Amino acid sequence: MLKIKPVLKLLLGIVLAICAIASLINLLLIVPRVETISVINAVVGLGVLFFFLAPLAHVLIRNSWRELRNSGANNAANTGDSADSRQS
């Protein structure tokens, strides 16, 4: 039950990373077009979107990964299956 929140954070981080990559690809495909005001607006909007989504995805993935590792270590310590007890 303790792993539901970190797993959901990890999934959300992965979805945000995919959205950031998709917006970057879209940005790269729009750049070679003729410079009109709508193309410039799209480039600026996609750039801002990418630079907000990428760090947010990185933070979510890193924190959820850390929480998953800590909950696994805490679970092993609580049940007595730590690495020290296995070596003895």
Protein backbone atom coordinates (compact mmCIF):
# COMPACT_ATOMS: atom_id res chain seq x y z
CA MET A 1 0.00 0.00 0.00
CA LEU A 2 2.94 2.32 0.63
CA LYS A 3 4.20 1.87 -2.93
CA ILE A 4 1.05 3.18 -4.68
CA LYS A 5 2.00 6.86 -4.40
CA PRO A 6 5.60 6.46 -5.70
CA VAL A 7 4.41 4.22 -8.54
CA LEU A 8 1.80 6.79 -9.59
CA LYS A 9 4.43 9.53 -9.41
CA LEU A 10 6.74 7.42 -11.56
CA LEU A 11 4.02 6.83 -14.16
CA LEU A 12 3.14 10.54 -14.20
CA GLY A 13 6.82 11.42 -14.61
CA ILE A 14 7.13 9.01 -17.53
CA VAL A 15 4.02 10.47 -19.19
CA LEU A 16 5.37 14.00 -18.72
CA ALA A 17 8.74 12.97 -20.15
CA ILE A 18 6.99 11.52 -23.20
CA CYS A 19 5.00 14.76 -23.61
CA ALA A 20 8.21 16.79 -23.32
CA ILE A 21 9.91 14.69 -25.98
CA ALA A 22 6.86 14.95 -28.24
CA SER A 23 6.77 18.74 -27.86
CA LEU A 24 10.49 18.93 -28.64
CA ILE A 25 10.02 16.84 -31.79
CA ASN A 26 7.08 19.03 -32.80
CA LEU A 27 9.21 22.12 -32.16
CA LEU A 28 11.98 20.76 -34.39
CA LEU A 29 9.48 20.02 -37.16
CA ILE A 30 7.96 23.53 -37.00
CA VAL A 31 11.26 25.46 -37.03
CA PRO A 32 12.05 25.05 -40.78
CA ARG A 33 8.71 26.58 -41.84
CA VAL A 34 8.36 30.10 -43.19
CA GLU A 35 8.53 32.66 -40.41
CA THR A 36 5.05 33.99 -39.77
CA ILE A 37 3.61 35.21 -36.51
CA SER A 38 1.73 31.94 -35.95
CA VAL A 39 4.91 29.88 -36.45
CA ILE A 40 6.82 32.12 -34.04
CA ASN A 41 4.00 31.80 -31.48
CA ALA A 42 4.05 28.02 -31.85
CA VAL A 43 7.85 27.88 -31.45
CA VAL A 44 7.77 30.04 -28.32
CA GLY A 45 4.85 28.08 -26.85
CA LEU A 46 6.43 24.70 -27.49
CA GLY A 47 9.76 25.91 -26.13
CA VAL A 48 8.14 27.09 -22.91
CA LEU A 49 6.16 23.86 -22.66
CA PHE A 50 9.30 21.76 -23.09
CA PHE A 51 11.33 23.72 -20.54
CA PHE A 52 8.59 23.26 -17.94
CA LEU A 53 7.72 19.62 -18.66
CA ALA A 54 11.25 18.22 -18.82
CA PRO A 55 12.41 19.34 -15.33
CA LEU A 56 9.06 18.44 -13.78
CA ALA A 57 9.28 14.94 -15.25
CA HIS A 58 12.88 14.61 -14.05
CA VAL A 59 11.99 15.63 -10.49
CA LEU A 60 8.98 13.29 -10.36
CA ILE A 61 10.92 10.32 -11.69
CA ARG A 62 13.90 10.92 -9.40
CA ASN A 63 11.80 11.39 -6.26
CA SER A 64 9.53 8.43 -6.95
CA TRP A 65 12.53 6.21 -7.68
CA ARG A 66 14.09 7.27 -4.38
CA GLU A 67 10.82 6.60 -2.51
CA LEU A 68 10.51 3.17 -4.09
CA ARG A 69 14.06 2.26 -3.08
CA ASN A 70 13.53 3.54 0.46
CA SER A 71 10.23 1.72 0.88
CA GLY A 72 11.87 -1.49 -0.31
CA ALA A 73 14.72 -1.04 2.17
CA ASN A 74 12.31 -0.19 4.98
CA ASN A 75 10.17 -3.20 4.12
CA ALA A 76 13.21 -5.51 4.24
CA ALA A 77 14.34 -4.00 7.56
CA ASN A 78 10.87 -4.40 9.08
CA THR A 79 10.56 -8.05 8.07
CA GLY A 80 14.08 -8.95 9.15
CA ASP A 81 15.25 -9.85 5.64
CA SER A 82 18.03 -7.30 5.47
CA ALA A 83 21.32 -8.10 3.79
CA ASP A 84 23.09 -8.44 7.16
CA SER A 85 20.76 -11.18 8.37
CA ARG A 86 21.13 -13.09 5.09
CA GLN A 87 24.92 -13.14 5.34
CA SER A 88 24.98 -14.57 8.88
